[in-house]
Each structure stands twice: as C-alpha cells, then as structure tokens.
Amino acid sequence: MGASKTEHFTDKQNEIASLVKALAHPARIAIMEYLLKVDTCICGDIVNELPLAQPTVSQHLKELKTAGIIKGTIEGNAICYCLDEKVLAKLQTYFGNITSKLEKRKNNCC
C-alpha cells in the first residue's frame, strides 16, 4: 500500500480526516455516548460500562484524546474525561455543510 500523501490535501481536510479516523471504532463511539450521558466520568466508570478489558479501554481513550475529541484531567489517582465541545463543533459544522449542500441538490444526482 502506498503512502497517503496527506501533504496534497488542505489542513482542514487532514484535520477532519484525523477526527473521523479517531471515531472509526464502535468502542470509541460507545465511549463518546457514555461521556454524553454522564457529562464527565473517571476511567474506571468507562471500563465498567464497556465489555472490554481496562488496557483496551485505555488505548481507545488515548486515541480519542490524541485526536482532541476528549480531554482528560488528573484528579488524585484517576483521570476524569469529558468531550471537547470545540472539536465536536468542527465536525458538526463540516457535516452540517455537507447536509445543507445535499438538501439544496434535491436528488439531482445518480
């Protein structure tokens, strides 16, 4: 498989691709949904919520945090996670623009 040649794409395209890639696993979607449900939580709570081992959950949290989708703060010996609303707003704007353009087309394609 060849290189992805990300330098041929805009910064915005690369940013959106990185965010979507970080979301491209059902466990990460489940983590996001859980964080929405409880507003904030401690890592142990997430482990109890998912049918995955603690190291696996930690790896998924790391991927979401690296992408900037979640934030984590250390509280004692635990990490409290929450969604980063600014990053999620970028995704909302991006997909909102796509939806808006598709609605204007009124099925004038294929």
PDB file of N, CA and C in Angstrom:
ATOM      1  N   MET A   1       0.850  -1.174   0.000  1.00  0.00           N
ATOM      2  CA  MET A   1       0.000   0.000   0.000  1.00  0.00           C
ATOM      3  C   MET A   1       0.894   1.234   0.000  1.00  0.00           C
ATOM      4  N   GLY A   2       0.561   2.218  -0.806  1.00  0.00           N
ATOM      5  CA  GLY A   2       1.366   3.429  -0.924  1.00  0.00           C
ATOM      6  C   GLY A   2       1.138   4.395   0.220  1.00  0.00           C
ATOM      7  N   ALA A   3       1.941   5.430   0.235  1.00  0.00           N
ATOM      8  CA  ALA A   3       1.810   6.481   1.246  1.00  0.00           C
ATOM      9  C   ALA A   3       0.510   7.250   1.014  1.00  0.00           C
ATOM     10  N   SER A   4      -0.013   7.829   2.052  1.00  0.00           N
ATOM     11  CA  SER A   4      -1.291   8.533   1.943  1.00  0.00           C
ATOM     12  C   SER A   4      -1.174   9.908   1.305  1.00  0.00           C
ATOM     13  N   LYS A   5       0.035  10.444   1.232  1.00  0.00           N
ATOM     14  CA  LYS A   5       0.291  11.736   0.612  1.00  0.00           C
ATOM     15  C   LYS A   5      -0.598  12.847   1.178  1.00  0.00           C
ATOM     16  N   THR A   6      -0.668  12.925   2.494  1.00  0.00           N
ATOM     17  CA  THR A   6      -1.520  13.916   3.141  1.00  0.00           C
ATOM     18  C   THR A   6      -1.107  15.342   2.812  1.00  0.00           C
ATOM     19  N   GLU A   7       0.130  15.541   2.379  1.00  0.00           N
ATOM     20  CA  GLU A   7       0.575  16.891   2.043  1.00  0.00           C
ATOM     21  C   GLU A   7      -0.159  17.451   0.824  1.00  0.00           C
ATOM     22  N   HIS A   8      -0.844  16.601   0.068  1.00  0.00           N
ATOM     23  CA  HIS A   8      -1.593  17.045  -1.105  1.00  0.00           C
ATOM     24  C   HIS A   8      -2.981  17.572  -0.748  1.00  0.00           C
ATOM     25  N   PHE A   9      -3.327  17.530   0.525  1.00  0.00           N
ATOM     26  CA  PHE A   9      -4.653  17.948   0.963  1.00  0.00           C
ATOM     27  C   PHE A   9      -4.540  19.141   1.904  1.00  0.00           C
ATOM     28  N   THR A  10      -5.637  19.864   2.048  1.00  0.00           N
ATOM     29  CA  THR A  10      -5.614  21.051   2.900  1.00  0.00           C
ATOM     30  C   THR A  10      -5.501  20.661   4.372  1.00  0.00           C
ATOM     31  N   ASP A  11      -5.104  21.623   5.185  1.00  0.00           N
ATOM     32  CA  ASP A  11      -5.027  21.387   6.631  1.00  0.00           C
ATOM     33  C   ASP A  11      -6.392  20.987   7.178  1.00  0.00           C
ATOM     34  N   LYS A  12      -7.437  21.633   6.689  1.00  0.00           N
ATOM     35  CA  LYS A  12      -8.792  21.328   7.152  1.00  0.00           C
ATOM     36  C   LYS A  12      -9.174  19.899   6.774  1.00  0.00           C
ATOM     37  N   GLN A  13      -8.869  19.480   5.545  1.00  0.00           N
ATOM     38  CA  GLN A  13      -9.179  18.116   5.123  1.00  0.00           C
ATOM     39  C   GLN A  13      -8.427  17.099   5.978  1.00  0.00           C
ATOM     40  N   ASN A  14      -7.170  17.362   6.256  1.00  0.00           N
ATOM     41  CA  ASN A  14      -6.386  16.457   7.100  1.00  0.00           C
ATOM     42  C   ASN A  14      -6.924  16.428   8.531  1.00  0.00           C
ATOM     43  N   GLU A  15      -7.345  17.586   9.037  1.00  0.00           N
ATOM     44  CA  GLU A  15      -7.878  17.641  10.399  1.00  0.00           C
ATOM     45  C   GLU A  15      -9.172  16.846  10.521  1.00  0.00           C
ATOM     46  N   ILE A  16     -10.093  17.051   9.590  1.00  0.00           N
ATOM     47  CA  ILE A  16     -11.366  16.326   9.620  1.00  0.00           C
ATOM     48  C   ILE A  16     -11.109  14.822   9.478  1.00  0.00           C
ATOM     49  N   ALA A  17     -10.198  14.444   8.584  1.00  0.00           N
ATOM     50  CA  ALA A  17      -9.871  13.028   8.392  1.00  0.00           C
ATOM     51  C   ALA A  17      -9.324  12.410   9.672  1.00  0.00           C
ATOM     52  N   SER A  18      -8.487  13.130  10.388  1.00  0.00           N
ATOM     53  CA  SER A  18      -7.928  12.622  11.648  1.00  0.00           C
ATOM     54  C   SER A  18      -9.018  12.428  12.695  1.00  0.00           C
ATOM     55  N   LEU A  19      -9.939  13.381  12.764  1.00  0.00           N
ATOM     56  CA  LEU A  19     -11.031  13.272  13.726  1.00  0.00           C
ATOM     57  C   LEU A  19     -11.928  12.087  13.400  1.00  0.00           C
ATOM     58  N   VAL A  20     -12.281  11.949  12.138  1.00  0.00           N
ATOM     59  CA  VAL A  20     -13.168  10.858  11.732  1.00  0.00           C
ATOM     60  C   VAL A  20     -12.465   9.506  11.927  1.00  0.00           C
ATOM     61  N   LYS A  21     -11.187   9.454  11.645  1.00  0.00           N
ATOM     62  CA  LYS A  21     -10.421   8.220  11.853  1.00  0.00           C
ATOM     63  C   LYS A  21     -10.441   7.822  13.323  1.00  0.00           C
ATOM     64  N   ALA A  22     -10.310   8.791  14.206  1.00  0.00           N
ATOM     65  CA  ALA A  22     -10.334   8.505  15.646  1.00  0.00           C
ATOM     66  C   ALA A  22     -11.687   7.972  16.093  1.00  0.00           C
ATOM     67  N   LEU A  23     -12.735   8.326  15.383  1.00  0.00           N
ATOM     68  CA  LEU A  23     -14.083   7.863  15.732  1.00  0.00           C
ATOM     69  C   LEU A  23     -14.427   6.519  15.096  1.00  0.00           C
ATOM     70  N   ALA A  24     -13.565   6.027  14.235  1.00  0.00           N
ATOM     71  CA  ALA A  24     -13.881   4.873  13.407  1.00  0.00           C
ATOM     72  C   ALA A  24     -13.735   3.536  14.135  1.00  0.00           C
ATOM     73  N   HIS A  25     -14.295   3.450  15.315  1.00  0.00           N
ATOM     74  CA  HIS A  25     -14.326   2.189  16.049  1.00  0.00           C
ATOM     75  C   HIS A  25     -15.550   2.225  16.968  1.00  0.00           C
ATOM     76  N   PRO A  26     -16.327   1.153  16.993  1.00  0.00           N
ATOM     77  CA  PRO A  26     -17.548   1.177  17.821  1.00  0.00           C
ATOM     78  C   PRO A  26     -17.283   1.398  19.310  1.00  0.00           C
ATOM     79  N   ALA A  27     -16.141   0.955  19.817  1.00  0.00           N
ATOM     80  CA  ALA A  27     -15.834   1.191  21.233  1.00  0.00           C
ATOM     81  C   ALA A  27     -15.662   2.679  21.500  1.00  0.00           C
ATOM     82  N   ARG A  28     -15.075   3.400  20.553  1.00  0.00           N
ATOM     83  CA  ARG A  28     -14.877   4.846  20.740  1.00  0.00           C
ATOM     84  C   ARG A  28     -16.202   5.592  20.651  1.00  0.00           C
ATOM     85  N   ILE A  29     -17.076   5.116  19.784  1.00  0.00           N
ATOM     86  CA  ILE A  29     -18.420   5.704  19.717  1.00  0.00           C
ATOM     87  C   ILE A  29     -19.141   5.451  21.039  1.00  0.00           C
ATOM     88  N   ALA A  30     -19.011   4.245  21.576  1.00  0.00           N
ATOM     89  CA  ALA A  30     -19.642   3.919  22.861  1.00  0.00           C
ATOM     90  C   ALA A  30     -19.078   4.794  23.979  1.00  0.00           C
ATOM     91  N   ILE A  31     -17.778   5.045  23.957  1.00  0.00           N
ATOM     92  CA  ILE A  31     -17.164   5.924  24.962  1.00  0.00           C
ATOM     93  C   ILE A  31     -17.743   7.325  24.849  1.00  0.00           C
ATOM     94  N   MET A  32     -17.852   7.835  23.629  1.00  0.00           N
ATOM     95  CA  MET A  32     -18.417   9.178  23.444  1.00  0.00           C
ATOM     96  C   MET A  32     -19.856   9.238  23.942  1.00  0.00           C
ATOM     97  N   GLU A  33     -20.647   8.229  23.604  1.00  0.00           N
ATOM     98  CA  GLU A  33     -22.042   8.214  24.050  1.00  0.00           C
ATOM     99  C   GLU A  33     -22.132   8.162  25.571  1.00  0.00           C
ATOM    100  N   TYR A  34     -21.244   7.408  26.191  1.00  0.00           N
ATOM    101  CA  TYR A  34     -21.228   7.343  27.653  1.00  0.00           C
ATOM    102  C   TYR A  34     -20.859   8.690  28.264  1.00  0.00           C
ATOM    103  N   LEU A  35     -19.842   9.347  27.690  1.00  0.00           N
ATOM    104  CA  LEU A  35     -19.455  10.657  28.195  1.00  0.00           C
ATOM    105  C   LEU A  35     -20.582  11.674  28.037  1.00  0.00           C
ATOM    106  N   LEU A  36     -21.341  11.564  26.960  1.00  0.00           N
ATOM    107  CA  LEU A  36     -22.500  12.446  26.785  1.00  0.00           C
ATOM    108  C   LEU A  36     -23.552  12.173  27.852  1.00  0.00           C
ATOM    109  N   LYS A  37     -23.736  10.909  28.167  1.00  0.00           N
ATOM    110  CA  LYS A  37     -24.767  10.518  29.130  1.00  0.00           C
ATOM    111  C   LYS A  37     -24.433  10.992  30.538  1.00  0.00           C
ATOM    112  N   VAL A  38     -23.165  10.872  30.940  1.00  0.00           N
ATOM    113  CA  VAL A  38     -22.799  11.203  32.321  1.00  0.00           C
ATOM    114  C   VAL A  38     -22.125  12.557  32.463  1.00  0.00           C
ATOM    115  N   ASP A  39     -21.858  13.230  31.362  1.00  0.00           N
ATOM    116  CA  ASP A  39     -21.221  14.541  31.305  1.00  0.00           C
ATOM    117  C   ASP A  39     -19.721  14.463  31.561  1.00  0.00           C
ATOM    118  N   THR A  40     -19.275  13.903  32.668  1.00  0.00           N
ATOM    119  CA  THR A  40     -17.849  13.626  32.909  1.00  0.00           C
ATOM    120  C   THR A  40     -17.777  12.303  33.656  1.00  0.00           C
ATOM    121  N   CYS A  41     -16.623  11.698  33.665  1.00  0.00           N
ATOM    122  CA  CYS A  41     -16.505  10.439  34.396  1.00  0.00           C
ATOM    123  C   CYS A  41     -15.046  10.128  34.671  1.00  0.00           C
ATOM    124  N   ILE A  42     -14.835   9.069  35.391  1.00  0.00           N
ATOM    125  CA  ILE A  42     -13.492   8.575  35.681  1.00  0.00           C
ATOM    126  C   ILE A  42     -13.289   7.322  34.843  1.00  0.00           C
ATOM    127  N   CYS A  43     -12.086   7.068  34.432  1.00  0.00           N
ATOM    128  CA  CYS A  43     -11.766   5.947  33.544  1.00  0.00           C
ATOM    129  C   CYS A  43     -12.378   4.633  34.018  1.00  0.00           C
ATOM    130  N   GLY A  44     -12.329   4.354  35.291  1.00  0.00           N
ATOM    131  CA  GLY A  44     -12.888   3.111  35.815  1.00  0.00           C
ATOM    132  C   GLY A  44     -14.357   2.958  35.495  1.00  0.00           C
ATOM    133  N   ASP A  45     -15.097   4.059  35.501  1.00  0.00           N
ATOM    134  CA  ASP A  45     -16.511   4.017  35.155  1.00  0.00           C
ATOM    135  C   ASP A  45     -16.699   3.577  33.710  1.00  0.00           C
ATOM    136  N   ILE A  46     -15.838   4.038  32.834  1.00  0.00           N
ATOM    137  CA  ILE A  46     -15.935   3.661  31.428  1.00  0.00           C
ATOM    138  C   ILE A  46     -15.636   2.176  31.270  1.00  0.00           C
ATOM    139  N   VAL A  47     -14.639   1.676  31.986  1.00  0.00           N
ATOM    140  CA  VAL A  47     -14.299   0.253  31.918  1.00  0.00           C
ATOM    141  C   VAL A  47     -15.494  -0.593  32.344  1.00  0.00           C
ATOM    142  N   ASN A  48     -16.198  -0.159  33.379  1.00  0.00           N
ATOM    143  CA  ASN A  48     -17.372  -0.901  33.849  1.00  0.00           C
ATOM    144  C   ASN A  48     -18.513  -0.868  32.845  1.00  0.00           C
ATOM    145  N   GLU A  49     -18.539   0.136  31.984  1.00  0.00           N
ATOM    146  CA  GLU A  49     -19.619   0.321  31.026  1.00  0.00           C
ATOM    147  C   GLU A  49     -19.424  -0.497  29.745  1.00  0.00           C
ATOM    148  N   LEU A  50     -18.181  -0.812  29.421  1.00  0.00           N
ATOM    149  CA  LEU A  50     -17.875  -1.488  28.157  1.00  0.00           C
ATOM    150  C   LEU A  50     -17.449  -2.940  28.383  1.00  0.00           C
ATOM    151  N   PRO A  51     -17.712  -3.797  27.399  1.00  0.00           N
ATOM    152  CA  PRO A  51     -17.309  -5.204  27.531  1.00  0.00           C
ATOM    153  C   PRO A  51     -15.867  -5.431  27.091  1.00  0.00           C
ATOM    154  N   LEU A  52     -14.973  -4.554  27.536  1.00  0.00           N
ATOM    155  CA  LEU A  52     -13.567  -4.616  27.144  1.00  0.00           C
ATOM    156  C   LEU A  52     -12.675  -4.547  28.368  1.00  0.00           C
ATOM    157  N   ALA A  53     -11.475  -5.068  28.227  1.00  0.00           N
ATOM    158  CA  ALA A  53     -10.501  -5.021  29.317  1.00  0.00           C
ATOM    159  C   ALA A  53     -10.017  -3.590  29.528  1.00  0.00           C
ATOM    160  N   GLN A  54      -9.556  -3.304  30.739  1.00  0.00           N
ATOM    161  CA  GLN A  54      -9.095  -1.957  31.074  1.00  0.00           C
ATOM    162  C   GLN A  54      -7.999  -1.460  30.139  1.00  0.00           C
ATOM    163  N   PRO A  55      -6.995  -2.274  29.781  1.00  0.00           N
ATOM    164  CA  PRO A  55      -5.965  -1.766  28.860  1.00  0.00           C
ATOM    165  C   PRO A  55      -6.524  -1.403  27.482  1.00  0.00           C
ATOM    166  N   THR A  56      -7.525  -2.149  27.037  1.00  0.00           N
ATOM    167  CA  THR A  56      -8.140  -1.860  25.738  1.00  0.00           C
ATOM    168  C   THR A  56      -8.905  -0.546  25.794  1.00  0.00           C
ATOM    169  N   VAL A  57      -9.660  -0.341  26.873  1.00  0.00           N
ATOM    170  CA  VAL A  57     -10.389   0.915  27.043  1.00  0.00           C
ATOM    171  C   VAL A  57      -9.400   2.076  27.116  1.00  0.00           C
ATOM    172  N   SER A  58      -8.312   1.896  27.832  1.00  0.00           N
ATOM    173  CA  SER A  58      -7.296   2.947  27.943  1.00  0.00           C
ATOM    174  C   SER A  58      -6.719   3.303  26.580  1.00  0.00           C
ATOM    175  N   GLN A  59      -6.501   2.309  25.738  1.00  0.00           N
ATOM    176  CA  GLN A  59      -5.980   2.573  24.391  1.00  0.00           C
ATOM    177  C   GLN A  59      -6.984   3.375  23.564  1.00  0.00           C
ATOM    178  N   HIS A  60      -8.260   3.032  23.661  1.00  0.00           N
ATOM    179  CA  HIS A  60      -9.292   3.789  22.933  1.00  0.00           C
ATOM    180  C   HIS A  60      -9.384   5.222  23.462  1.00  0.00           C
ATOM    181  N   LEU A  61      -9.291   5.394  24.777  1.00  0.00           N
ATOM    182  CA  LEU A  61      -9.297   6.741  25.361  1.00  0.00           C
ATOM    183  C   LEU A  61      -8.094   7.539  24.864  1.00  0.00           C
ATOM    184  N   LYS A  62      -6.952   6.881  24.772  1.00  0.00           N
ATOM    185  CA  LYS A  62      -5.750   7.549  24.279  1.00  0.00           C
ATOM    186  C   LYS A  62      -5.941   8.030  22.845  1.00  0.00           C
ATOM    187  N   GLU A  63      -6.543   7.210  21.996  1.00  0.00           N
ATOM    188  CA  GLU A  63      -6.783   7.598  20.602  1.00  0.00           C
ATOM    189  C   GLU A  63      -7.721   8.807  20.520  1.00  0.00           C
ATOM    190  N   LEU A  64      -8.775   8.791  21.317  1.00  0.00           N
ATOM    191  CA  LEU A  64      -9.712   9.915  21.326  1.00  0.00           C
ATOM    192  C   LEU A  64      -9.044  11.176  21.865  1.00  0.00           C
ATOM    193  N   LYS A  65      -8.213  11.020  22.875  1.00  0.00           N
ATOM    194  CA  LYS A  65      -7.529  12.178  23.462  1.00  0.00           C
ATOM    195  C   LYS A  65      -6.481  12.729  22.504  1.00  0.00           C
ATOM    196  N   THR A  66      -5.726  11.864  21.845  1.00  0.00           N
ATOM    197  CA  THR A  66      -4.717  12.298  20.879  1.00  0.00           C
ATOM    198  C   THR A  66      -5.360  13.094  19.749  1.00  0.00           C
ATOM    199  N   ALA A  67      -6.545  12.671  19.311  1.00  0.00           N
ATOM    200  CA  ALA A  67      -7.262  13.382  18.251  1.00  0.00           C
ATOM    201  C   ALA A  67      -7.875  14.687  18.758  1.00  0.00           C
ATOM    202  N   GLY A  68      -7.950  14.845  20.077  1.00  0.00           N
ATOM    203  CA  GLY A  68      -8.521  16.058  20.647  1.00  0.00           C
ATOM    204  C   GLY A  68     -10.014  15.985  20.873  1.00  0.00           C
ATOM    205  N   ILE A  69     -10.600  14.830  20.665  1.00  0.00           N
ATOM    206  CA  ILE A  69     -12.045  14.679  20.811  1.00  0.00           C
ATOM    207  C   ILE A  69     -12.460  14.683  22.278  1.00  0.00           C
ATOM    208  N   ILE A  70     -11.596  14.150  23.137  1.00  0.00           N
ATOM    209  CA  ILE A  70     -11.862  14.197  24.574  1.00  0.00           C
ATOM    210  C   ILE A  70     -10.699  14.891  25.271  1.00  0.00           C
ATOM    211  N   LYS A  71     -10.989  15.385  26.463  1.00  0.00           N
ATOM    212  CA  LYS A  71      -9.974  15.990  27.324  1.00  0.00           C
ATOM    213  C   LYS A  71      -9.928  15.168  28.599  1.00  0.00           C
ATOM    214  N   GLY A  72      -8.779  15.129  29.234  1.00  0.00           N
ATOM    215  CA  GLY A  72      -8.658  14.414  30.491  1.00  0.00           C
ATOM    216  C   GLY A  72      -7.881  15.223  31.499  1.00  0.00           C
ATOM    217  N   THR A  73      -8.381  15.244  32.717  1.00  0.00           N
ATOM    218  CA  THR A  73      -7.662  15.927  33.794  1.00  0.00           C
ATOM    219  C   THR A  73      -7.418  14.928  34.915  1.00  0.00           C
ATOM    220  N   ILE A  74      -6.268  15.036  35.530  1.00  0.00           N
ATOM    221  CA  ILE A  74      -5.908  14.127  36.618  1.00  0.00           C
ATOM    222  C   ILE A  74      -6.539  14.639  37.906  1.00  0.00           C
ATOM    223  N   GLU A  75      -7.251  13.746  38.572  1.00  0.00           N
ATOM    224  CA  GLU A  75      -7.860  14.047  39.866  1.00  0.00           C
ATOM    225  C   GLU A  75      -7.462  12.933  40.823  1.00  0.00           C
ATOM    226  N   GLY A  76      -6.481  13.205  41.645  1.00  0.00           N
ATOM    227  CA  GLY A  76      -5.955  12.170  42.544  1.00  0.00           C
ATOM    228  C   GLY A  76      -5.242  11.117  41.734  1.00  0.00           C
ATOM    229  N   ASN A  77      -5.677   9.852  41.871  1.00  0.00           N
ATOM    230  CA  ASN A  77      -5.059   8.775  41.105  1.00  0.00           C
ATOM    231  C   ASN A  77      -5.924   8.335  39.919  1.00  0.00           C
ATOM    232  N   ALA A  78      -6.890   9.161  39.539  1.00  0.00           N
ATOM    233  CA  ALA A  78      -7.774   8.843  38.417  1.00  0.00           C
ATOM    234  C   ALA A  78      -7.749   9.984  37.398  1.00  0.00           C
ATOM    235  N   ILE A  79      -8.206   9.690  36.211  1.00  0.00           N
ATOM    236  CA  ILE A  79      -8.315  10.706  35.166  1.00  0.00           C
ATOM    237  C   ILE A  79      -9.788  10.901  34.854  1.00  0.00           C
ATOM    238  N   CYS A  80     -10.219  12.146  34.894  1.00  0.00           N
ATOM    239  CA  CYS A  80     -11.604  12.488  34.598  1.00  0.00           C
ATOM    240  C   CYS A  80     -11.668  12.953  33.147  1.00  0.00           C
ATOM    241  N   TYR A  81     -12.501  12.308  32.334  1.00  0.00           N
ATOM    242  CA  TYR A  81     -12.596  12.617  30.914  1.00  0.00           C
ATOM    243  C   TYR A  81     -13.887  13.354  30.599  1.00  0.00           C
ATOM    244  N   CYS A  82     -13.817  14.210  29.560  1.00  0.00           N
ATOM    245  CA  CYS A  82     -15.014  14.854  29.028  1.00  0.00           C
ATOM    246  C   CYS A  82     -14.786  15.128  27.541  1.00  0.00           C
ATOM    247  N   LEU A  83     -15.871  15.365  26.831  1.00  0.00           N
ATOM    248  CA  LEU A  83     -15.791  15.674  25.407  1.00  0.00           C
ATOM    249  C   LEU A  83     -15.315  17.102  25.213  1.00  0.00           C
ATOM    250  N   ASP A  84     -14.548  17.341  24.169  1.00  0.00           N
ATOM    251  CA  ASP A  84     -14.110  18.696  23.833  1.00  0.00           C
ATOM    252  C   ASP A  84     -15.125  19.282  22.859  1.00  0.00           C
ATOM    253  N   GLU A  85     -15.943  20.174  23.356  1.00  0.00           N
ATOM    254  CA  GLU A  85     -17.042  20.730  22.563  1.00  0.00           C
ATOM    255  C   GLU A  85     -16.551  21.505  21.344  1.00  0.00           C
ATOM    256  N   LYS A  86     -15.398  22.148  21.434  1.00  0.00           N
ATOM    257  CA  LYS A  86     -14.876  22.914  20.300  1.00  0.00           C
ATOM    258  C   LYS A  86     -14.526  21.998  19.134  1.00  0.00           C
ATOM    259  N   VAL A  87     -13.930  20.871  19.437  1.00  0.00           N
ATOM    260  CA  VAL A  87     -13.556  19.919  18.385  1.00  0.00           C
ATOM    261  C   VAL A  87     -14.817  19.296  17.784  1.00  0.00           C
ATOM    262  N   LEU A  88     -15.771  18.955  18.620  1.00  0.00           N
ATOM    263  CA  LEU A  88     -17.010  18.372  18.110  1.00  0.00           C
ATOM    264  C   LEU A  88     -17.802  19.381  17.278  1.00  0.00           C
ATOM    265  N   ALA A  89     -17.670  20.663  17.601  1.00  0.00           N
ATOM    266  CA  ALA A  89     -18.333  21.706  16.806  1.00  0.00           C
ATOM    267  C   ALA A  89     -17.748  21.752  15.388  1.00  0.00           C
ATOM    268  N   LYS A  90     -16.456  21.480  15.251  1.00  0.00           N
ATOM    269  CA  LYS A  90     -15.846  21.433  13.915  1.00  0.00           C
ATOM    270  C   LYS A  90     -16.475  20.325  13.077  1.00  0.00           C
ATOM    271  N   LEU A  91     -16.676  19.156  13.702  1.00  0.00           N
ATOM    272  CA  LEU A  91     -17.310  18.052  12.988  1.00  0.00           C
ATOM    273  C   LEU A  91     -18.756  18.385  12.643  1.00  0.00           C
ATOM    274  N   GLN A  92     -19.437  19.014  13.576  1.00  0.00           N
ATOM    275  CA  GLN A  92     -20.832  19.393  13.339  1.00  0.00           C
ATOM    276  C   GLN A  92     -20.930  20.373  12.171  1.00  0.00           C
ATOM    277  N   THR A  93     -20.040  21.348  12.130  1.00  0.00           N
ATOM    278  CA  THR A  93     -20.028  22.315  11.032  1.00  0.00           C
ATOM    279  C   THR A  93     -19.732  21.624   9.714  1.00  0.00           C
ATOM    280  N   TYR A  94     -18.731  20.754   9.714  1.00  0.00           N
ATOM    281  CA  TYR A  94     -18.336  20.069   8.483  1.00  0.00           C
ATOM    282  C   TYR A  94     -19.496  19.234   7.931  1.00  0.00           C
ATOM    283  N   PHE A  95     -20.073  18.374   8.772  1.00  0.00           N
ATOM    284  CA  PHE A  95     -21.161  17.519   8.298  1.00  0.00           C
ATOM    285  C   PHE A  95     -22.447  18.307   8.067  1.00  0.00           C
ATOM    286  N   GLY A  96     -22.628  19.402   8.805  1.00  0.00           N
ATOM    287  CA  GLY A  96     -23.776  20.276   8.558  1.00  0.00           C
ATOM    288  C   GLY A  96     -23.703  20.917   7.184  1.00  0.00           C
ATOM    289  N   ASN A  97     -22.503  21.329   6.776  1.00  0.00           N
ATOM    290  CA  ASN A  97     -22.324  21.898   5.431  1.00  0.00           C
ATOM    291  C   ASN A  97     -22.626  20.870   4.351  1.00  0.00           C
ATOM    292  N   ILE A  98     -22.181  19.639   4.555  1.00  0.00           N
ATOM    293  CA  ILE A  98     -22.471  18.582   3.583  1.00  0.00           C
ATOM    294  C   ILE A  98     -23.974  18.356   3.483  1.00  0.00           C
ATOM    295  N   THR A  99     -24.638  18.248   4.610  1.00  0.00           N
ATOM    296  CA  THR A  99     -26.081  18.025   4.637  1.00  0.00           C
ATOM    297  C   THR A  99     -26.818  19.159   3.960  1.00  0.00           C
ATOM    298  N   SER A 100     -26.412  20.378   4.238  1.00  0.00           N
ATOM    299  CA  SER A 100     -27.039  21.551   3.641  1.00  0.00           C
ATOM    300  C   SER A 100     -26.904  21.536   2.120  1.00  0.00           C
ATOM    301  N   LYS A 101     -25.712  21.209   1.636  1.00  0.00           N
ATOM    302  CA  LYS A 101     -25.491  21.163   0.183  1.00  0.00           C
ATOM    303  C   LYS A 101     -26.296  20.047  -0.463  1.00  0.00           C
ATOM    304  N   LEU A 102     -26.415  18.916   0.213  1.00  0.00           N
ATOM    305  CA  LEU A 102     -27.201  17.827  -0.328  1.00  0.00           C
ATOM    306  C   LEU A 102     -28.691  18.179  -0.383  1.00  0.00           C
ATOM    307  N   GLU A 103     -29.175  18.877   0.614  1.00  0.00           N
ATOM    308  CA  GLU A 103     -30.584  19.283   0.623  1.00  0.00           C
ATOM    309  C   GLU A 103     -30.884  20.244  -0.525  1.00  0.00           C
ATOM    310  N   LYS A 104     -29.927  21.092  -0.860  1.00  0.00           N
ATOM    311  CA  LYS A 104     -30.110  22.035  -1.967  1.00  0.00           C
ATOM    312  C   LYS A 104     -30.151  21.324  -3.313  1.00  0.00           C
ATOM    313  N   ARG A 105     -29.483  20.197  -3.422  1.00  0.00           N
ATOM    314  CA  ARG A 105     -29.447  19.448  -4.683  1.00  0.00           C
ATOM    315  C   ARG A 105     -30.797  18.835  -5.020  1.00  0.00           C
ATOM    316  N   LYS A 106     -31.542  18.451  -4.040  1.00  0.00           N
ATOM    317  CA  LYS A 106     -32.852  17.815  -4.209  1.00  0.00           C
ATOM    318  C   LYS A 106     -32.770  16.613  -5.150  1.00  0.00           C
ATOM    319  N   ASN A 107     -31.851  15.715  -4.862  1.00  0.00           N
ATOM    320  CA  ASN A 107     -31.690  14.452  -5.604  1.00  0.00           C
ATOM    321  C   ASN A 107     -31.380  14.649  -7.088  1.00  0.00           C
ATOM    322  N   ASN A 108     -30.558  15.623  -7.423  1.00  0.00           N
ATOM    323  CA  ASN A 108     -30.161  15.835  -8.809  1.00  0.00           C
ATOM    324  C   ASN A 108     -28.933  15.018  -9.176  1.00  0.00           C
ATOM    325  N   CYS A 109     -28.699  13.937  -8.466  1.00  0.00           N
ATOM    326  CA  CYS A 109     -27.517  13.121  -8.708  1.00  0.00           C
ATOM    327  C   CYS A 109     -27.915  11.651  -8.785  1.00  0.00           C
ATOM    328  N   CYS A 110     -27.188  10.903  -9.522  1.00  0.00           N
ATOM    329  CA  CYS A 110     -27.339   9.447  -9.678  1.00  0.00           C
ATOM    330  C   CYS A 110     -28.721   8.976  -9.310  1.00  0.00           C
TER     331      CYS A 110
END
